[in-house]
Amino acid sequence: LLNVLSGGRASLDLVGLVKGNYSSDPLFGPVIQSPKDFRNFEIHNEALYLKIQQDIKLLCIPDIVHNTRKVREVVIDEAHSLLAHLGARKTLAYLRAHVWWKT
């Protein structure tokens, strides 16, 4: 998903965009400030990931806007298009395998 967003319709560098926007997010700000206090999260190249298992990490998406659209909305839209409009359940399952934000 992250590679598709970088070259897809949205032409959005998702990882690059979220890197500088964690500190102002109410959920992710404290994680960035005190990463040792949040062992389920990992910072890699300034991007924040939620560790599900040792080898499974999900990119955390802060609540930000890019070009008048919420980035989370763009991510959902791109995942839905990538899956050829297979429906909400499959889109949600795909998103859960790649990105994370508190709902």
PDB file of N, CA and C in Angstrom:
ATOM      1  N   LEU A   1       0.834  -1.202   0.000  1.00  0.00           N
ATOM      2  CA  LEU A   1       0.000   0.000   0.000  1.00  0.00           C
ATOM      3  C   LEU A   1       0.869   1.253   0.000  1.00  0.00           C
ATOM      4  N   LEU A   2       1.920   1.250   0.800  1.00  0.00           N
ATOM      5  CA  LEU A   2       2.758   2.444   0.883  1.00  0.00           C
ATOM      6  C   LEU A   2       3.429   2.749  -0.444  1.00  0.00           C
ATOM      7  N   ASN A   3       3.863   1.720  -1.157  1.00  0.00           N
ATOM      8  CA  ASN A   3       4.476   1.924  -2.472  1.00  0.00           C
ATOM      9  C   ASN A   3       3.457   2.398  -3.489  1.00  0.00           C
ATOM     10  N   VAL A   4       2.242   1.898  -3.412  1.00  0.00           N
ATOM     11  CA  VAL A   4       1.188   2.292  -4.348  1.00  0.00           C
ATOM     12  C   VAL A   4       0.841   3.758  -4.154  1.00  0.00           C
ATOM     13  N   LEU A   5       0.734   4.197  -2.913  1.00  0.00           N
ATOM     14  CA  LEU A   5       0.410   5.594  -2.656  1.00  0.00           C
ATOM     15  C   LEU A   5       1.488   6.525  -3.185  1.00  0.00           C
ATOM     16  N   SER A   6       2.721   6.098  -3.125  1.00  0.00           N
ATOM     17  CA  SER A   6       3.809   6.942  -3.609  1.00  0.00           C
ATOM     18  C   SER A   6       3.747   7.130  -5.121  1.00  0.00           C
ATOM     19  N   GLY A   7       3.206   6.158  -5.837  1.00  0.00           N
ATOM     20  CA  GLY A   7       3.155   6.269  -7.284  1.00  0.00           C
ATOM     21  C   GLY A   7       1.756   6.227  -7.856  1.00  0.00           C
ATOM     22  N   GLY A   8       0.752   6.197  -7.015  1.00  0.00           N
ATOM     23  CA  GLY A   8      -0.623   6.055  -7.472  1.00  0.00           C
ATOM     24  C   GLY A   8      -1.282   7.370  -7.827  1.00  0.00           C
ATOM     25  N   ARG A   9      -2.604   7.309  -7.939  1.00  0.00           N
ATOM     26  CA  ARG A   9      -3.386   8.483  -8.307  1.00  0.00           C
ATOM     27  C   ARG A   9      -3.142   9.652  -7.369  1.00  0.00           C
ATOM     28  N   ALA A  10      -2.990   9.345  -6.105  1.00  0.00           N
ATOM     29  CA  ALA A  10      -2.846  10.402  -5.110  1.00  0.00           C
ATOM     30  C   ALA A  10      -1.452  11.025  -5.139  1.00  0.00           C
ATOM     31  N   SER A  11      -0.502  10.347  -5.767  1.00  0.00           N
ATOM     32  CA  SER A  11       0.906  10.762  -5.785  1.00  0.00           C
ATOM     33  C   SER A  11       1.306  11.342  -4.427  1.00  0.00           C
ATOM     34  N   LEU A  12       1.121  10.539  -3.422  1.00  0.00           N
ATOM     35  CA  LEU A  12       1.322  10.947  -2.040  1.00  0.00           C
ATOM     36  C   LEU A  12       2.454  10.140  -1.425  1.00  0.00           C
ATOM     37  N   ASP A  13       3.478  10.824  -0.963  1.00  0.00           N
ATOM     38  CA  ASP A  13       4.551  10.160  -0.223  1.00  0.00           C
ATOM     39  C   ASP A  13       4.064  10.047   1.211  1.00  0.00           C
ATOM     40  N   LEU A  14       3.347   8.985   1.490  1.00  0.00           N
ATOM     41  CA  LEU A  14       2.679   8.828   2.776  1.00  0.00           C
ATOM     42  C   LEU A  14       3.665   8.831   3.930  1.00  0.00           C
ATOM     43  N   VAL A  15       4.723   8.060   3.826  1.00  0.00           N
ATOM     44  CA  VAL A  15       5.705   7.996   4.909  1.00  0.00           C
ATOM     45  C   VAL A  15       6.344   9.369   5.115  1.00  0.00           C
ATOM     46  N   GLY A  16       6.716  10.024   4.035  1.00  0.00           N
ATOM     47  CA  GLY A  16       7.309  11.354   4.141  1.00  0.00           C
ATOM     48  C   GLY A  16       6.362  12.371   4.747  1.00  0.00           C
ATOM     49  N   LEU A  17       5.106  12.262   4.430  1.00  0.00           N
ATOM     50  CA  LEU A  17       4.109  13.203   4.934  1.00  0.00           C
ATOM     51  C   LEU A  17       3.869  13.041   6.429  1.00  0.00           C
ATOM     52  N   VAL A  18       3.775  11.819   6.892  1.00  0.00           N
ATOM     53  CA  VAL A  18       3.460  11.610   8.307  1.00  0.00           C
ATOM     54  C   VAL A  18       4.659  11.877   9.216  1.00  0.00           C
ATOM     55  N   LYS A  19       5.868  11.750   8.694  1.00  0.00           N
ATOM     56  CA  LYS A  19       7.081  11.915   9.513  1.00  0.00           C
ATOM     57  C   LYS A  19       7.065  13.185  10.352  1.00  0.00           C
ATOM     58  N   GLY A  20       6.722  14.287   9.789  1.00  0.00           N
ATOM     59  CA  GLY A  20       6.780  15.552  10.508  1.00  0.00           C
ATOM     60  C   GLY A  20       5.506  15.935  11.223  1.00  0.00           C
ATOM     61  N   ASN A  21       4.557  15.038  11.308  1.00  0.00           N
ATOM     62  CA  ASN A  21       3.254  15.416  11.850  1.00  0.00           C
ATOM     63  C   ASN A  21       2.788  14.596  13.041  1.00  0.00           C
ATOM     64  N   TYR A  22       3.655  13.861  13.667  1.00  0.00           N
ATOM     65  CA  TYR A  22       3.255  13.073  14.835  1.00  0.00           C
ATOM     66  C   TYR A  22       3.167  13.917  16.102  1.00  0.00           C
ATOM     67  N   SER A  23       4.059  14.865  16.262  1.00  0.00           N
ATOM     68  CA  SER A  23       4.142  15.625  17.514  1.00  0.00           C
ATOM     69  C   SER A  23       2.859  16.367  17.842  1.00  0.00           C
ATOM     70  N   SER A  24       2.157  16.858  16.833  1.00  0.00           N
ATOM     71  CA  SER A  24       0.926  17.615  17.075  1.00  0.00           C
ATOM     72  C   SER A  24      -0.306  16.726  17.224  1.00  0.00           C
ATOM     73  N   ASP A  25      -0.170  15.442  16.981  1.00  0.00           N
ATOM     74  CA  ASP A  25      -1.303  14.522  17.104  1.00  0.00           C
ATOM     75  C   ASP A  25      -1.493  14.151  18.581  1.00  0.00           C
ATOM     76  N   PRO A  26      -2.733  14.244  19.096  1.00  0.00           N
ATOM     77  CA  PRO A  26      -2.956  13.960  20.520  1.00  0.00           C
ATOM     78  C   PRO A  26      -2.598  12.534  20.933  1.00  0.00           C
ATOM     79  N   LEU A  27      -2.745  11.580  20.046  1.00  0.00           N
ATOM     80  CA  LEU A  27      -2.424  10.192  20.375  1.00  0.00           C
ATOM     81  C   LEU A  27      -0.935   9.900  20.201  1.00  0.00           C
ATOM     82  N   PHE A  28      -0.379  10.314  19.088  1.00  0.00           N
ATOM     83  CA  PHE A  28       0.999   9.959  18.766  1.00  0.00           C
ATOM     84  C   PHE A  28       2.041  10.915  19.345  1.00  0.00           C
ATOM     85  N   GLY A  29       1.649  12.134  19.695  1.00  0.00           N
ATOM     86  CA  GLY A  29       2.579  13.104  20.267  1.00  0.00           C
ATOM     87  C   GLY A  29       3.320  12.572  21.485  1.00  0.00           C
ATOM     88  N   PRO A  30       2.600  12.024  22.478  1.00  0.00           N
ATOM     89  CA  PRO A  30       3.293  11.477  23.651  1.00  0.00           C
ATOM     90  C   PRO A  30       4.237  10.319  23.312  1.00  0.00           C
ATOM     91  N   VAL A  31       3.892   9.545  22.302  1.00  0.00           N
ATOM     92  CA  VAL A  31       4.757   8.430  21.893  1.00  0.00           C
ATOM     93  C   VAL A  31       6.074   8.977  21.345  1.00  0.00           C
ATOM     94  N   ILE A  32       5.989  10.026  20.543  1.00  0.00           N
ATOM     95  CA  ILE A  32       7.185  10.642  19.971  1.00  0.00           C
ATOM     96  C   ILE A  32       8.036  11.283  21.070  1.00  0.00           C
ATOM     97  N   GLN A  33       7.379  11.898  22.050  1.00  0.00           N
ATOM     98  CA  GLN A  33       8.102  12.574  23.129  1.00  0.00           C
ATOM     99  C   GLN A  33       8.823  11.595  24.059  1.00  0.00           C
ATOM    100  N   SER A  34       8.193  10.445  24.332  1.00  0.00           N
ATOM    101  CA  SER A  34       8.764   9.455  25.265  1.00  0.00           C
ATOM    102  C   SER A  34       8.630   8.048  24.704  1.00  0.00           C
ATOM    103  N   PRO A  35       9.343   7.735  23.642  1.00  0.00           N
ATOM    104  CA  PRO A  35       9.168   6.434  22.986  1.00  0.00           C
ATOM    105  C   PRO A  35       9.440   5.233  23.890  1.00  0.00           C
ATOM    106  N   LYS A  36      10.312   5.376  24.870  1.00  0.00           N
ATOM    107  CA  LYS A  36      10.619   4.249  25.760  1.00  0.00           C
ATOM    108  C   LYS A  36       9.430   3.871  26.639  1.00  0.00           C
ATOM    109  N   ASP A  37       8.482   4.794  26.807  1.00  0.00           N
ATOM    110  CA  ASP A  37       7.290   4.525  27.613  1.00  0.00           C
ATOM    111  C   ASP A  37       6.216   3.764  26.831  1.00  0.00           C
ATOM    112  N   PHE A  38       6.407   3.621  25.539  1.00  0.00           N
ATOM    113  CA  PHE A  38       5.403   2.990  24.678  1.00  0.00           C
ATOM    114  C   PHE A  38       6.069   1.862  23.893  1.00  0.00           C
ATOM    115  N   ARG A  39       6.177   0.704  24.507  1.00  0.00           N
ATOM    116  CA  ARG A  39       6.945  -0.376  23.876  1.00  0.00           C
ATOM    117  C   ARG A  39       6.232  -1.051  22.717  1.00  0.00           C
ATOM    118  N   ASN A  40       4.955  -0.748  22.491  1.00  0.00           N
ATOM    119  CA  ASN A  40       4.248  -1.301  21.332  1.00  0.00           C
ATOM    120  C   ASN A  40       4.487  -0.477  20.070  1.00  0.00           C
ATOM    121  N   PHE A  41       5.221   0.606  20.217  1.00  0.00           N
ATOM    122  CA  PHE A  41       5.511   1.470  19.080  1.00  0.00           C
ATOM    123  C   PHE A  41       7.009   1.472  18.814  1.00  0.00           C
ATOM    124  N   GLU A  42       7.352   1.746  17.560  1.00  0.00           N
ATOM    125  CA  GLU A  42       8.755   1.801  17.154  1.00  0.00           C
ATOM    126  C   GLU A  42       8.926   2.943  16.166  1.00  0.00           C
ATOM    127  N   ILE A  43       9.985   3.696  16.333  1.00  0.00           N
ATOM    128  CA  ILE A  43      10.298   4.774  15.394  1.00  0.00           C
ATOM    129  C   ILE A  43      11.412   4.282  14.482  1.00  0.00           C
ATOM    130  N   HIS A  44      11.174   4.383  13.183  1.00  0.00           N
ATOM    131  CA  HIS A  44      12.162   3.958  12.188  1.00  0.00           C
ATOM    132  C   HIS A  44      12.229   5.036  11.114  1.00  0.00           C
ATOM    133  N   ASN A  45      13.404   5.634  10.939  1.00  0.00           N
ATOM    134  CA  ASN A  45      13.577   6.723   9.968  1.00  0.00           C
ATOM    135  C   ASN A  45      12.533   7.822  10.158  1.00  0.00           C
ATOM    136  N   GLU A  46      12.277   8.174  11.400  1.00  0.00           N
ATOM    137  CA  GLU A  46      11.355   9.240  11.790  1.00  0.00           C
ATOM    138  C   GLU A  46       9.885   8.907  11.568  1.00  0.00           C
ATOM    139  N   ALA A  47       9.582   7.714  11.113  1.00  0.00           N
ATOM    140  CA  ALA A  47       8.192   7.281  10.960  1.00  0.00           C
ATOM    141  C   ALA A  47       7.838   6.391  12.149  1.00  0.00           C
ATOM    142  N   LEU A  48       6.597   6.488  12.595  1.00  0.00           N
ATOM    143  CA  LEU A  48       6.140   5.743  13.763  1.00  0.00           C
ATOM    144  C   LEU A  48       5.357   4.511  13.316  1.00  0.00           C
ATOM    145  N   TYR A  49       5.677   3.374  13.920  1.00  0.00           N
ATOM    146  CA  TYR A  49       5.025   2.113  13.590  1.00  0.00           C
ATOM    147  C   TYR A  49       4.478   1.462  14.854  1.00  0.00           C
ATOM    148  N   LEU A  50       3.340   0.816  14.718  1.00  0.00           N
ATOM    149  CA  LEU A  50       2.777  -0.004  15.787  1.00  0.00           C
ATOM    150  C   LEU A  50       3.268  -1.425  15.563  1.00  0.00           C
ATOM    151  N   LYS A  51       3.903  -2.004  16.577  1.00  0.00           N
ATOM    152  CA  LYS A  51       4.411  -3.374  16.461  1.00  0.00           C
ATOM    153  C   LYS A  51       3.301  -4.345  16.845  1.00  0.00           C
ATOM    154  N   ILE A  52       2.862  -5.134  15.878  1.00  0.00           N
ATOM    155  CA  ILE A  52       1.853  -6.161  16.119  1.00  0.00           C
ATOM    156  C   ILE A  52       2.548  -7.442  16.567  1.00  0.00           C
ATOM    157  N   GLN A  53       3.580  -7.801  15.840  1.00  0.00           N
ATOM    158  CA  GLN A  53       4.473  -8.911  16.170  1.00  0.00           C
ATOM    159  C   GLN A  53       5.876  -8.434  15.824  1.00  0.00           C
ATOM    160  N   GLN A  54       6.867  -9.227  16.142  1.00  0.00           N
ATOM    161  CA  GLN A  54       8.247  -8.808  15.886  1.00  0.00           C
ATOM    162  C   GLN A  54       8.465  -8.422  14.429  1.00  0.00           C
ATOM    163  N   ASP A  55       7.863  -9.155  13.509  1.00  0.00           N
ATOM    164  CA  ASP A  55       8.081  -8.894  12.087  1.00  0.00           C
ATOM    165  C   ASP A  55       6.911  -8.196  11.410  1.00  0.00           C
ATOM    166  N   ILE A  56       5.908  -7.787  12.163  1.00  0.00           N
ATOM    167  CA  ILE A  56       4.756  -7.090  11.589  1.00  0.00           C
ATOM    168  C   ILE A  56       4.634  -5.723  12.245  1.00  0.00           C
ATOM    169  N   LYS A  57       4.817  -4.685  11.422  1.00  0.00           N
ATOM    170  CA  LYS A  57       4.732  -3.311  11.913  1.00  0.00           C
ATOM    171  C   LYS A  57       3.812  -2.521  10.990  1.00  0.00           C
ATOM    172  N   LEU A  58       2.916  -1.749  11.585  1.00  0.00           N
ATOM    173  CA  LEU A  58       1.953  -0.958  10.831  1.00  0.00           C
ATOM    174  C   LEU A  58       2.309   0.518  10.925  1.00  0.00           C
ATOM    175  N   LEU A  59       2.308   1.205   9.802  1.00  0.00           N
ATOM    176  CA  LEU A  59       2.590   2.631   9.795  1.00  0.00           C
ATOM    177  C   LEU A  59       1.459   3.376  10.496  1.00  0.00           C
ATOM    178  N   CYS A  60       1.800   4.187  11.477  1.00  0.00           N
ATOM    179  CA  CYS A  60       0.803   4.981  12.201  1.00  0.00           C
ATOM    180  C   CYS A  60       0.479   6.233  11.389  1.00  0.00           C
ATOM    181  N   ILE A  61      -0.808   6.502  11.229  1.00  0.00           N
ATOM    182  CA  ILE A  61      -1.263   7.642  10.442  1.00  0.00           C
ATOM    183  C   ILE A  61      -1.882   8.677  11.378  1.00  0.00           C
ATOM    184  N   PRO A  62      -1.225   9.833  11.561  1.00  0.00           N
ATOM    185  CA  PRO A  62      -1.810  10.867  12.413  1.00  0.00           C
ATOM    186  C   PRO A  62      -3.014  11.513  11.729  1.00  0.00           C
ATOM    187  N   ASP A  63      -3.797  12.215  12.500  1.00  0.00           N
ATOM    188  CA  ASP A  63      -4.994  12.882  11.986  1.00  0.00           C
ATOM    189  C   ASP A  63      -4.581  14.216  11.364  1.00  0.00           C
ATOM    190  N   ILE A  64      -4.192  14.167  10.079  1.00  0.00           N
ATOM    191  CA  ILE A  64      -3.703  15.358   9.385  1.00  0.00           C
ATOM    192  C   ILE A  64      -4.420  15.530   8.051  1.00  0.00           C
ATOM    193  N   VAL A  65      -4.300  16.738   7.501  1.00  0.00           N
ATOM    194  CA  VAL A  65      -4.911  17.082   6.220  1.00  0.00           C
ATOM    195  C   VAL A  65      -3.797  17.396   5.231  1.00  0.00           C
ATOM    196  N   HIS A  66      -3.988  16.938   4.005  1.00  0.00           N
ATOM    197  CA  HIS A  66      -3.052  17.223   2.913  1.00  0.00           C
ATOM    198  C   HIS A  66      -3.869  17.603   1.688  1.00  0.00           C
ATOM    199  N   ASN A  67      -3.631  18.782   1.153  1.00  0.00           N
ATOM    200  CA  ASN A  67      -4.383  19.262  -0.017  1.00  0.00           C
ATOM    201  C   ASN A  67      -5.891  19.176   0.194  1.00  0.00           C
ATOM    202  N   THR A  68      -6.353  19.653   1.289  1.00  0.00           N
ATOM    203  CA  THR A  68      -7.772  19.753   1.674  1.00  0.00           C
ATOM    204  C   THR A  68      -8.455  18.429   2.016  1.00  0.00           C
ATOM    205  N   ARG A  69      -7.738  17.322   1.980  1.00  0.00           N
ATOM    206  CA  ARG A  69      -8.336  16.023   2.330  1.00  0.00           C
ATOM    207  C   ARG A  69      -7.589  15.412   3.498  1.00  0.00           C
ATOM    208  N   LYS A  70      -8.337  14.740   4.363  1.00  0.00           N
ATOM    209  CA  LYS A  70      -7.685  14.010   5.446  1.00  0.00           C
ATOM    210  C   LYS A  70      -6.846  12.889   4.832  1.00  0.00           C
ATOM    211  N   VAL A  71      -5.643  12.739   5.331  1.00  0.00           N
ATOM    212  CA  VAL A  71      -4.743  11.710   4.804  1.00  0.00           C
ATOM    213  C   VAL A  71      -5.359  10.330   5.000  1.00  0.00           C
ATOM    214  N   ARG A  72      -6.035  10.119   6.103  1.00  0.00           N
ATOM    215  CA  ARG A  72      -6.686   8.824   6.344  1.00  0.00           C
ATOM    216  C   ARG A  72      -7.728   8.537   5.269  1.00  0.00           C
ATOM    217  N   GLU A  73      -8.444   9.555   4.847  1.00  0.00           N
ATOM    218  CA  GLU A  73      -9.438   9.403   3.780  1.00  0.00           C
ATOM    219  C   GLU A  73      -8.767   9.012   2.466  1.00  0.00           C
ATOM    220  N   VAL A  74      -7.643   9.633   2.161  1.00  0.00           N
ATOM    221  CA  VAL A  74      -6.901   9.313   0.935  1.00  0.00           C
ATOM    222  C   VAL A  74      -6.404   7.874   0.982  1.00  0.00           C
ATOM    223  N   VAL A  75      -5.905   7.451   2.134  1.00  0.00           N
ATOM    224  CA  VAL A  75      -5.409   6.080   2.287  1.00  0.00           C
ATOM    225  C   VAL A  75      -6.542   5.079   2.060  1.00  0.00           C
ATOM    226  N   ILE A  76      -7.693   5.336   2.641  1.00  0.00           N
ATOM    227  CA  ILE A  76      -8.851   4.447   2.457  1.00  0.00           C
ATOM    228  C   ILE A  76      -9.261   4.406   0.993  1.00  0.00           C
ATOM    229  N   ASP A  77      -9.335   5.562   0.359  1.00  0.00           N
ATOM    230  CA  ASP A  77      -9.737   5.645  -1.045  1.00  0.00           C
ATOM    231  C   ASP A  77      -8.765   4.887  -1.949  1.00  0.00           C
ATOM    232  N   GLU A  78      -7.475   5.052  -1.706  1.00  0.00           N
ATOM    233  CA  GLU A  78      -6.477   4.361  -2.526  1.00  0.00           C
ATOM    234  C   GLU A  78      -6.517   2.849  -2.318  1.00  0.00           C
ATOM    235  N   ALA A  79      -6.704   2.421  -1.083  1.00  0.00           N
ATOM    236  CA  ALA A  79      -6.796   0.979  -0.814  1.00  0.00           C
ATOM    237  C   ALA A  79      -8.018   0.394  -1.507  1.00  0.00           C
ATOM    238  N   HIS A  80      -9.123   1.099  -1.445  1.00  0.00           N
ATOM    239  CA  HIS A  80     -10.355   0.635  -2.093  1.00  0.00           C
ATOM    240  C   HIS A  80     -10.149   0.510  -3.608  1.00  0.00           C
ATOM    241  N   SER A  81      -9.513   1.494  -4.210  1.00  0.00           N
ATOM    242  CA  SER A  81      -9.251   1.450  -5.655  1.00  0.00           C
ATOM    243  C   SER A  81      -8.261   0.351  -6.011  1.00  0.00           C
ATOM    244  N   LEU A  82      -7.229   0.193  -5.197  1.00  0.00           N
ATOM    245  CA  LEU A  82      -6.223  -0.838  -5.436  1.00  0.00           C
ATOM    246  C   LEU A  82      -6.839  -2.233  -5.451  1.00  0.00           C
ATOM    247  N   LEU A  83      -7.817  -2.439  -4.597  1.00  0.00           N
ATOM    248  CA  LEU A  83      -8.475  -3.745  -4.508  1.00  0.00           C
ATOM    249  C   LEU A  83      -9.615  -3.894  -5.513  1.00  0.00           C
ATOM    250  N   ALA A  84      -9.680  -2.995  -6.472  1.00  0.00           N
ATOM    251  CA  ALA A  84     -10.688  -3.049  -7.538  1.00  0.00           C
ATOM    252  C   ALA A  84     -12.107  -3.004  -6.980  1.00  0.00           C
ATOM    253  N   HIS A  85     -12.301  -2.173  -5.965  1.00  0.00           N
ATOM    254  CA  HIS A  85     -13.638  -1.939  -5.401  1.00  0.00           C
ATOM    255  C   HIS A  85     -14.296  -3.231  -4.914  1.00  0.00           C
ATOM    256  N   LEU A  86     -13.542  -4.038  -4.181  1.00  0.00           N
ATOM    257  CA  LEU A  86     -14.054  -5.329  -3.709  1.00  0.00           C
ATOM    258  C   LEU A  86     -14.932  -5.231  -2.468  1.00  0.00           C
ATOM    259  N   GLY A  87     -15.108  -4.052  -1.940  1.00  0.00           N
ATOM    260  CA  GLY A  87     -16.012  -3.885  -0.809  1.00  0.00           C
ATOM    261  C   GLY A  87     -15.319  -3.446   0.464  1.00  0.00           C
ATOM    262  N   ALA A  88     -16.153  -3.068   1.420  1.00  0.00           N
ATOM    263  CA  ALA A  88     -15.662  -2.488   2.669  1.00  0.00           C
ATOM    264  C   ALA A  88     -14.863  -3.480   3.509  1.00  0.00           C
ATOM    265  N   ARG A  89     -15.320  -4.702   3.616  1.00  0.00           N
ATOM    266  CA  ARG A  89     -14.631  -5.686   4.465  1.00  0.00           C
ATOM    267  C   ARG A  89     -13.222  -5.993   3.965  1.00  0.00           C
ATOM    268  N   LYS A  90     -13.090  -6.196   2.671  1.00  0.00           N
ATOM    269  CA  LYS A  90     -11.769  -6.503   2.115  1.00  0.00           C
ATOM    270  C   LYS A  90     -10.851  -5.286   2.190  1.00  0.00           C
ATOM    271  N   THR A  91     -11.413  -4.107   1.981  1.00  0.00           N
ATOM    272  CA  THR A  91     -10.616  -2.888   2.104  1.00  0.00           C
ATOM    273  C   THR A  91     -10.131  -2.717   3.537  1.00  0.00           C
ATOM    274  N   LEU A  92     -11.010  -2.927   4.496  1.00  0.00           N
ATOM    275  CA  LEU A  92     -10.638  -2.808   5.905  1.00  0.00           C
ATOM    276  C   LEU A  92      -9.560  -3.824   6.282  1.00  0.00           C
ATOM    277  N   ALA A  93      -9.712  -5.050   5.829  1.00  0.00           N
ATOM    278  CA  ALA A  93      -8.710  -6.082   6.120  1.00  0.00           C
ATOM    279  C   ALA A  93      -7.354  -5.702   5.524  1.00  0.00           C
ATOM    280  N   TYR A  94      -7.370  -5.169   4.324  1.00  0.00           N
ATOM    281  CA  TYR A  94      -6.131  -4.746   3.669  1.00  0.00           C
ATOM    282  C   TYR A  94      -5.471  -3.599   4.439  1.00  0.00           C
ATOM    283  N   LEU A  95      -6.273  -2.629   4.831  1.00  0.00           N
ATOM    284  CA  LEU A  95      -5.744  -1.498   5.596  1.00  0.00           C
ATOM    285  C   LEU A  95      -5.156  -1.952   6.927  1.00  0.00           C
ATOM    286  N   ARG A  96      -5.841  -2.854   7.601  1.00  0.00           N
ATOM    287  CA  ARG A  96      -5.367  -3.346   8.897  1.00  0.00           C
ATOM    288  C   ARG A  96      -4.031  -4.075   8.792  1.00  0.00           C
ATOM    289  N   ALA A  97      -3.684  -4.530   7.609  1.00  0.00           N
ATOM    290  CA  ALA A  97      -2.409  -5.220   7.407  1.00  0.00           C
ATOM    291  C   ALA A  97      -1.255  -4.252   7.126  1.00  0.00           C
ATOM    292  N   HIS A  98      -1.575  -2.956   6.908  1.00  0.00           N
ATOM    293  CA  HIS A  98      -0.535  -2.012   6.500  1.00  0.00           C
ATOM    294  C   HIS A  98      -0.430  -0.747   7.342  1.00  0.00           C
ATOM    295  N   VAL A  99      -1.561  -0.220   7.798  1.00  0.00           N
ATOM    296  CA  VAL A  99      -1.552   1.063   8.510  1.00  0.00           C
ATOM    297  C   VAL A  99      -2.395   0.976   9.772  1.00  0.00           C
ATOM    298  N   TRP A 100      -2.191   1.965  10.670  1.00  0.00           N
ATOM    299  CA  TRP A 100      -2.964   1.978  11.908  1.00  0.00           C
ATOM    300  C   TRP A 100      -3.229   3.406  12.361  1.00  0.00           C
ATOM    301  N   TRP A 101      -4.436   3.618  12.837  1.00  0.00           N
ATOM    302  CA  TRP A 101      -4.800   4.824  13.573  1.00  0.00           C
ATOM    303  C   TRP A 101      -5.928   4.445  14.504  1.00  0.00           C
ATOM    304  N   LYS A 102      -6.081   5.199  15.586  1.00  0.00           N
ATOM    305  CA  LYS A 102      -7.119   4.891  16.560  1.00  0.00           C
ATOM    306  C   LYS A 102      -8.465   5.285  15.982  1.00  0.00           C
ATOM    307  N   THR A 103      -9.412   4.352  16.057  1.00  0.00           N
ATOM    308  CA  THR A 103     -10.752   4.630  15.537  1.00  0.00           C
ATOM    309  C   THR A 103     -11.738   4.808  16.663  1.00  0.00           C
TER     310      THR A 103
END
